Amino acid sequence: MATADYWSSADLKSVAHNGYVNEDVMQQIIEIMDIDLPFTQMISSDGVSNSYTEWPQYTYQTPDLVNRAVDGEDAAQNDATGGARVGNHCQISKKVIAVTTRARNSDVIGTSDEFAEQLMRQTEQLRRDVEAISLTNQGSQADNGDAVPGVTGGLNAWLTSNTARGVGGVDGGFSNGVVTGATLGTPEALSEAAIRDVCQSVYEQGFDPTVLMGRPTVIRRISEYMFTDTARIGIQQTETGKSGASTAVGSVKVFITDFDVELMFTPNRLQPYMDAGAGDSNDSLFILTPAYLRHGFLHNYRTEPLAKLGLADRSQVAVDWTLKVLAEQAQGVVADIDATAAMVA
């Protein structure tokens, strides 16, 4: 039986108020997640000069199978054509940081200045917001300078040329200066046929997509399917004649289509559901040609000090941006996916 004739660590901890023992806290903030922005990192960006920015989309005509002329014939016809003029509205996204002077001067774990720490964190969060919003099904709208904010049309809303949607699903798209969100269809299992059909459609439009992007659950469904007897692909299961430890391969990273186009599987943690905010359903799988996608910035990410209120310092991190789908025909989507169901042929 333990005796009580000594002064123990437990006694030190029990002294009122909060004891005599100093806290042992590692002076470092542990990151709980990576700032992974796969969509933003794969596309380029440029500046825009107005809250509504436009660009031409040229579409090739169907080949003329009777394009023939007589020797010496006059050049009477005019074959010059133009493309469609499309555009998107800019959206202001922001984060506000307000930290009291006492908090800034306190001895805080992992940082010498809580205001600077919060400023960095919220800038990262703002970039995550832009990543996720870019992939939504939201339609665009103009800022009226009063109660209606400007809204940029998300990628899912833009796509009309190369889509596979569930029963009842209807494409949105650009028309008369506005991008309209797609109508959701009934969620159904992702199919290999749908992926191949959309890939073929993008290819026939004249583009070579390189990325297959979806939420992690959808990417996993594809990878699991590729190892079934139903999948119409060839997978190298084992390697012989090599020394050393064996490697267990449980996923597929690249899918080579019928048209010799390599699609890199790219899971995106931040990609939202089509009905973001309304429930966990209607997943989407994007088939992308990144060279024809851009972020446009009326003003890039910047920190703006706000008026000091009492004993608190305040700043705002803001970005005025839009999504530029330079060639809608270069992108595709398999929409209305039920990610709880196994992928089928």
Protein backbone atom coordinates (compact mmCIF):
# COMPACT_ATOMS: atom_id res chain seq x y z
CA MET A 1 0.00 0.00 0.00
CA ALA A 2 1.29 3.42 -0.94
CA THR A 3 2.22 5.76 1.92
CA ALA A 4 1.50 9.48 2.18
CA ASP A 5 4.77 10.58 3.80
CA TYR A 6 6.18 12.14 0.61
CA TRP A 7 5.38 15.13 -1.63
CA SER A 8 4.36 13.66 -5.01
CA SER A 9 3.65 14.89 -8.50
CA ALA A 10 -0.03 14.35 -7.73
CA ASP A 11 0.30 16.70 -4.76
CA LEU A 12 1.90 19.36 -6.97
CA LYS A 13 -0.96 19.10 -9.42
CA SER A 14 -3.59 19.30 -6.70
CA VAL A 15 -2.49 22.66 -5.26
CA ALA A 16 -5.25 25.26 -5.71
CA HIS A 17 -5.68 26.90 -8.17
CA ASN A 18 -4.44 24.70 -11.11
CA GLY A 19 -1.45 23.33 -9.17
CA TYR A 20 2.29 24.02 -9.36
CA VAL A 21 3.20 21.91 -12.40
CA ASN A 22 3.85 23.80 -15.65
CA GLU A 23 1.99 22.62 -18.71
CA ASP A 24 4.02 20.59 -21.19
CA VAL A 25 2.74 21.83 -24.57
CA MET A 26 4.64 21.44 -27.82
CA GLN A 27 5.17 24.92 -29.23
CA GLN A 28 4.09 24.02 -32.72
CA ILE A 29 0.76 23.99 -34.54
CA ILE A 30 0.21 20.65 -36.25
CA GLU A 31 -1.36 20.86 -39.69
CA ILE A 32 -4.45 18.65 -39.81
CA MET A 33 -4.81 18.82 -43.59
CA ASP A 34 -2.87 19.69 -46.72
CA ILE A 35 -3.75 22.78 -48.73
CA ASP A 36 -4.37 20.66 -51.81
CA LEU A 37 -5.88 22.54 -54.76
CA PRO A 38 -5.66 20.13 -57.72
CA PHE A 39 -8.01 22.05 -60.02
CA THR A 40 -6.42 25.45 -59.35
CA GLN A 41 -2.93 24.01 -59.72
CA MET A 42 -3.60 22.39 -63.10
CA ILE A 43 -5.12 25.42 -64.83
CA SER A 44 -3.59 28.79 -65.66
CA SER A 45 -4.75 32.25 -64.67
CA ASP A 46 -4.90 35.74 -66.14
CA GLY A 47 -6.21 39.19 -65.36
CA VAL A 48 -9.58 40.61 -66.34
CA SER A 49 -10.56 44.27 -66.58
CA ASN A 50 -14.26 44.20 -65.85
CA SER A 51 -16.70 42.45 -63.54
CA TYR A 52 -18.08 40.68 -66.60
CA THR A 53 -15.40 39.22 -68.83
CA GLU A 54 -15.86 37.67 -72.26
CA TRP A 55 -13.97 35.57 -74.77
CA PRO A 56 -14.67 33.98 -78.18
CA GLN A 57 -15.27 30.28 -78.56
CA TYR A 58 -14.50 29.09 -82.09
CA THR A 59 -16.07 25.85 -83.25
CA TYR A 60 -14.88 24.02 -86.36
CA GLN A 61 -17.47 23.28 -88.99
CA THR A 62 -18.28 19.79 -90.19
CA PRO A 63 -15.80 18.79 -92.93
CA ASP A 64 -17.07 19.60 -96.41
CA LEU A 65 -17.07 16.28 -98.25
CA VAL A 66 -17.71 17.94 -101.63
CA ASN A 67 -14.96 20.55 -101.34
CA ARG A 68 -13.79 20.55 -104.94
CA ALA A 69 -13.12 23.20 -107.55
CA VAL A 70 -12.53 23.44 -111.31
CA ASP A 71 -9.09 24.41 -112.50
CA GLY A 72 -9.06 28.19 -113.00
CA GLU A 73 -12.34 28.75 -111.15
CA ASP A 74 -12.89 32.16 -109.51
CA ALA A 75 -12.79 32.34 -105.70
CA ALA A 76 -16.34 33.63 -105.38
CA GLN A 77 -17.39 32.24 -102.00
CA ASN A 78 -16.48 33.49 -98.54
CA ASP A 79 -15.79 30.76 -96.00
CA ALA A 80 -14.80 33.04 -93.11
CA THR A 81 -16.69 32.27 -89.90
CA GLY A 82 -16.71 33.53 -86.34
CA GLY A 83 -17.12 31.88 -83.00
CA ALA A 84 -19.57 32.42 -80.18
CA ARG A 85 -18.95 35.24 -77.70
CA VAL A 86 -19.33 33.94 -74.16
CA GLY A 87 -18.47 35.24 -70.73
CA ASN A 88 -18.72 34.91 -66.98
CA HIS A 89 -19.35 37.24 -64.07
CA CYS A 90 -16.76 37.89 -61.38
CA GLN A 91 -17.39 36.92 -57.79
CA ILE A 92 -15.91 38.58 -54.72
CA SER A 93 -14.92 36.07 -52.05
CA LYS A 94 -13.51 37.24 -48.74
CA LYS A 95 -12.51 36.40 -45.18
CA VAL A 96 -12.47 38.89 -42.29
CA ILE A 97 -9.97 38.61 -39.43
CA ALA A 98 -10.54 40.43 -36.13
CA VAL A 99 -8.15 39.74 -33.23
CA THR A 100 -8.06 41.66 -29.96
CA THR A 101 -4.92 43.47 -28.83
CA ARG A 102 -4.78 41.23 -25.74
CA ALA A 103 -4.86 38.11 -27.92
CA ARG A 104 -2.06 39.52 -30.09
CA ASN A 105 0.14 40.14 -27.05
CA SER A 106 -0.58 36.83 -25.32
CA ASP A 107 1.93 33.99 -25.24
CA VAL A 108 0.14 31.69 -27.69
CA ILE A 109 1.09 28.14 -28.58
CA GLY A 110 2.92 27.85 -31.89
CA THR A 111 2.89 31.50 -32.93
CA SER A 112 4.28 34.85 -31.88
CA ASP A 113 1.35 36.83 -33.28
CA GLU A 114 -2.17 35.41 -33.38
CA PHE A 115 -3.29 38.04 -35.90
CA ALA A 116 -0.61 37.02 -38.40
CA GLU A 117 -1.46 33.36 -37.81
CA GLN A 118 -5.17 33.93 -38.47
CA LEU A 119 -4.38 35.99 -41.55
CA MET A 120 -2.35 33.14 -43.03
CA ARG A 121 -5.00 30.54 -42.13
CA GLN A 122 -7.88 32.48 -43.63
CA THR A 123 -5.95 33.21 -46.83
CA GLU A 124 -5.49 29.46 -47.24
CA GLN A 125 -9.16 28.89 -46.51
CA LEU A 126 -10.12 31.48 -49.12
CA ARG A 127 -8.10 29.61 -51.74
CA ARG A 128 -9.92 26.42 -50.77
CA ASP A 129 -13.25 28.22 -51.19
CA VAL A 130 -12.32 29.33 -54.72
CA GLU A 131 -11.24 25.79 -55.62
CA ALA A 132 -14.55 24.31 -54.49
CA ILE A 133 -16.77 27.05 -55.95
CA SER A 134 -15.08 26.65 -59.36
CA LEU A 135 -16.42 23.09 -59.60
CA THR A 136 -19.99 23.79 -58.52
CA ASN A 137 -23.21 23.72 -60.50
CA GLN A 138 -24.02 27.34 -59.61
CA GLY A 139 -25.26 29.67 -62.32
CA SER A 140 -23.87 33.17 -62.83
CA GLN A 141 -25.40 36.51 -61.94
CA ALA A 142 -24.40 40.15 -62.10
CA ASP A 143 -23.68 42.27 -59.03
CA ASN A 144 -26.36 44.99 -58.76
CA GLY A 145 -24.37 47.12 -56.30
CA ASP A 146 -26.99 46.62 -53.63
CA ALA A 147 -28.15 43.31 -52.17
CA VAL A 148 -27.30 40.97 -55.06
CA PRO A 149 -23.67 39.80 -55.21
CA GLY A 150 -21.90 38.84 -58.40
CA VAL A 151 -21.71 35.07 -58.87
CA THR A 152 -19.42 33.20 -61.25
CA GLY A 153 -20.80 30.25 -63.19
CA GLY A 154 -19.26 26.99 -61.96
CA LEU A 155 -17.76 24.36 -64.25
CA ASN A 156 -20.63 21.91 -63.86
CA ALA A 157 -23.08 24.59 -64.97
CA TRP A 158 -21.06 25.43 -68.12
CA LEU A 159 -20.94 21.98 -69.67
CA THR A 160 -23.37 21.05 -72.45
CA SER A 161 -21.42 19.47 -75.32
CA ASN A 162 -20.05 16.38 -73.59
CA THR A 163 -22.32 15.31 -70.76
CA ALA A 164 -23.89 12.17 -69.36
CA ARG A 165 -26.65 12.92 -66.86
CA GLY A 166 -29.16 10.84 -64.93
CA VAL A 167 -32.82 10.49 -65.79
CA GLY A 168 -34.40 13.95 -65.67
CA GLY A 169 -31.03 15.71 -65.77
CA VAL A 170 -30.85 18.70 -68.11
CA ASP A 171 -27.76 20.65 -69.19
CA GLY A 172 -27.43 24.26 -68.14
CA GLY A 173 -24.88 26.26 -70.13
CA PHE A 174 -24.22 29.79 -71.35
CA SER A 175 -26.89 31.87 -73.09
CA ASN A 176 -27.38 35.62 -73.48
CA GLY A 177 -24.72 36.58 -70.98
CA VAL A 178 -25.76 34.17 -68.23
CA VAL A 179 -24.59 30.71 -67.19
CA THR A 180 -27.47 28.53 -65.97
CA GLY A 181 -26.95 25.62 -63.61
CA ALA A 182 -27.84 22.13 -64.80
CA THR A 183 -31.05 20.47 -63.60
CA LEU A 184 -30.24 17.51 -61.38
CA GLY A 185 -31.22 14.06 -62.55
CA THR A 186 -31.85 10.87 -60.62
CA PRO A 187 -28.56 9.57 -59.13
CA GLU A 188 -27.37 6.30 -60.65
CA ALA A 189 -24.31 4.09 -60.52
CA LEU A 190 -21.28 5.31 -62.45
CA SER A 191 -20.71 3.25 -65.59
CA GLU A 192 -17.68 2.54 -67.72
CA ALA A 193 -19.83 3.15 -70.79
CA ALA A 194 -20.66 6.70 -69.62
CA ILE A 195 -16.97 7.52 -69.14
CA ARG A 196 -16.09 6.13 -72.56
CA ASP A 197 -18.98 7.97 -74.22
CA VAL A 198 -17.98 11.34 -72.75
CA CYS A 199 -14.31 10.76 -73.62
CA GLN A 200 -15.29 9.95 -77.19
CA SER A 201 -17.47 13.05 -77.39
CA VAL A 202 -14.63 15.32 -76.20
CA TYR A 203 -12.24 13.65 -78.65
CA GLU A 204 -14.65 14.07 -81.56
CA GLN A 205 -14.92 17.78 -80.70
CA GLY A 206 -11.19 17.97 -81.44
CA PHE A 207 -9.62 17.81 -77.98
CA ASP A 208 -7.45 15.39 -76.04
CA PRO A 209 -8.50 15.38 -72.36
CA THR A 210 -5.87 14.42 -69.78
CA VAL A 211 -7.59 14.48 -66.38
CA LEU A 212 -10.34 12.44 -64.74
CA MET A 213 -11.33 14.42 -61.62
CA GLY A 214 -13.85 13.49 -58.96
CA ARG A 215 -14.45 13.28 -55.27
CA PRO A 216 -12.33 10.58 -53.54
CA THR A 217 -15.31 8.23 -53.22
CA VAL A 218 -15.96 8.31 -56.96
CA ILE A 219 -12.29 7.77 -57.83
CA ARG A 220 -12.27 4.79 -55.47
CA ARG A 221 -15.35 3.31 -57.16
CA ILE A 222 -13.54 3.47 -60.50
CA SER A 223 -10.38 1.89 -59.11
CA GLU A 224 -12.34 -0.91 -57.42
CA TYR A 225 -14.23 -1.59 -60.62
CA MET A 226 -11.04 -1.85 -62.65
CA PHE A 227 -10.06 -4.95 -60.64
CA THR A 228 -13.31 -6.79 -61.33
CA ASP A 229 -14.00 -9.36 -64.04
CA THR A 230 -16.50 -6.95 -65.61
CA ALA A 231 -13.97 -4.27 -66.51
CA ARG A 232 -12.91 -4.36 -70.15
CA ILE A 233 -9.30 -3.44 -69.48
CA GLY A 234 -5.98 -5.14 -69.09
CA ILE A 235 -4.15 -4.77 -65.76
CA GLN A 236 -0.71 -6.04 -64.91
CA GLN A 237 -1.33 -8.06 -61.78
CA THR A 238 2.18 -9.28 -60.95
CA GLU A 239 5.78 -8.70 -61.94
CA THR A 240 8.11 -11.66 -62.12
CA GLY A 241 11.88 -11.88 -62.25
CA LYS A 242 12.43 -9.02 -59.83
CA SER A 243 14.11 -9.32 -56.47
CA GLY A 244 13.16 -7.48 -53.32
CA ALA A 245 9.92 -6.96 -51.46
CA SER A 246 6.65 -7.33 -53.30
CA THR A 247 4.37 -4.35 -53.74
CA ALA A 248 0.64 -4.71 -53.30
CA VAL A 249 -1.09 -2.63 -55.96
CA GLY A 250 -4.70 -1.86 -55.11
CA SER A 251 -5.53 1.05 -57.36
CA VAL A 252 -5.42 2.32 -60.93
CA LYS A 253 -3.85 5.72 -61.62
CA VAL A 254 -4.16 6.12 -65.40
CA PHE A 255 -6.88 5.11 -67.84
CA ILE A 256 -5.91 4.98 -71.52
CA THR A 257 -9.01 5.54 -73.61
CA ASP A 258 -9.95 4.02 -76.96
CA PHE A 259 -8.43 7.07 -78.64
CA ASP A 260 -4.95 6.70 -77.11
CA VAL A 261 -5.69 9.50 -74.66
CA GLU A 262 -4.31 9.06 -71.15
CA LEU A 263 -6.57 10.21 -68.33
CA MET A 264 -4.85 10.74 -64.99
CA PHE A 265 -7.08 9.88 -62.02
CA THR A 266 -7.19 13.00 -59.84
CA PRO A 267 -9.14 12.85 -56.58
CA ASN A 268 -10.26 16.23 -55.29
CA ARG A 269 -11.09 16.52 -51.59
CA LEU A 270 -12.78 19.88 -52.13
CA GLN A 271 -14.99 19.03 -55.10
CA PRO A 272 -18.61 19.50 -53.96
CA TYR A 273 -21.72 17.54 -54.77
CA MET A 274 -23.86 18.93 -57.58
CA ASP A 275 -26.50 19.90 -55.02
CA ALA A 276 -23.98 21.38 -52.60
CA GLY A 277 -25.72 22.35 -49.38
CA ALA A 278 -28.85 20.33 -50.11
CA GLY A 279 -27.57 16.83 -49.35
CA ASP A 280 -24.94 14.22 -50.07
CA SER A 281 -25.96 13.06 -53.52
CA ASN A 282 -25.46 13.64 -57.24
CA ASP A 283 -21.70 13.30 -57.57
CA SER A 284 -19.89 14.34 -60.72
CA LEU A 285 -16.85 13.07 -62.59
CA PHE A 286 -15.08 15.64 -64.76
CA ILE A 287 -13.10 14.79 -67.89
CA LEU A 288 -10.85 17.81 -68.36
CA THR A 289 -8.54 19.44 -70.86
CA PRO A 290 -6.85 21.92 -68.45
CA ALA A 291 -5.30 24.09 -71.18
CA TYR A 292 -8.77 25.47 -71.95
CA LEU A 293 -9.62 26.47 -68.38
CA ARG A 294 -8.47 29.54 -66.46
CA HIS A 295 -9.10 31.57 -63.38
CA GLY A 296 -9.49 35.26 -64.19
CA PHE A 297 -8.75 37.88 -61.53
CA LEU A 298 -10.17 41.40 -61.47
CA HIS A 299 -7.96 41.66 -58.42
CA ASN A 300 -5.90 38.84 -57.03
CA TYR A 301 -5.72 37.71 -53.39
CA ARG A 302 -4.88 40.73 -51.27
CA THR A 303 -5.03 41.83 -47.66
CA GLU A 304 -6.82 45.07 -46.87
CA PRO A 305 -6.67 46.63 -43.38
CA LEU A 306 -10.04 47.55 -41.91
CA ALA A 307 -10.84 50.33 -39.47
CA LYS A 308 -9.75 49.50 -35.94
CA LEU A 309 -12.70 49.04 -33.59
CA GLY A 310 -11.82 49.50 -29.94
CA LEU A 311 -9.29 46.97 -28.71
CA ALA A 312 -9.21 44.80 -31.82
CA ASP A 313 -7.21 44.79 -35.07
CA ARG A 314 -9.14 43.94 -38.22
CA SER A 315 -8.23 43.00 -41.79
CA GLN A 316 -9.92 41.50 -44.80
CA VAL A 317 -8.51 39.02 -47.30
CA ALA A 318 -10.41 39.29 -50.58
CA VAL A 319 -10.24 38.13 -54.18
CA ASP A 320 -12.35 39.22 -57.16
CA TRP A 321 -12.31 36.29 -59.55
CA THR A 322 -14.10 34.27 -62.19
CA LEU A 323 -13.89 30.92 -63.96
CA LYS A 324 -13.06 31.13 -67.67
CA VAL A 325 -14.13 28.06 -69.65
CA LEU A 326 -12.27 28.97 -72.83
CA ALA A 327 -13.54 25.93 -74.71
CA GLU A 328 -16.58 24.29 -73.20
CA GLN A 329 -16.28 21.58 -75.85
CA ALA A 330 -12.90 20.54 -74.41
CA GLN A 331 -14.45 19.47 -71.10
CA GLY A 332 -16.90 16.74 -70.16
CA VAL A 333 -18.84 15.51 -67.16
CA VAL A 334 -20.53 12.34 -66.02
CA ALA A 335 -23.10 13.75 -63.62
CA ASP A 336 -25.77 12.48 -61.23
CA ILE A 337 -23.56 9.71 -59.89
CA ASP A 338 -24.69 7.64 -56.91
CA ALA A 339 -21.32 7.21 -55.20
CA THR A 340 -22.73 4.67 -52.74
CA ALA A 341 -23.25 2.22 -55.61
CA ALA A 342 -20.51 0.12 -57.18
CA MET A 343 -19.42 1.12 -60.67
CA VAL A 344 -20.93 -0.95 -63.50
CA ALA A 345 -20.07 -1.70 -67.09
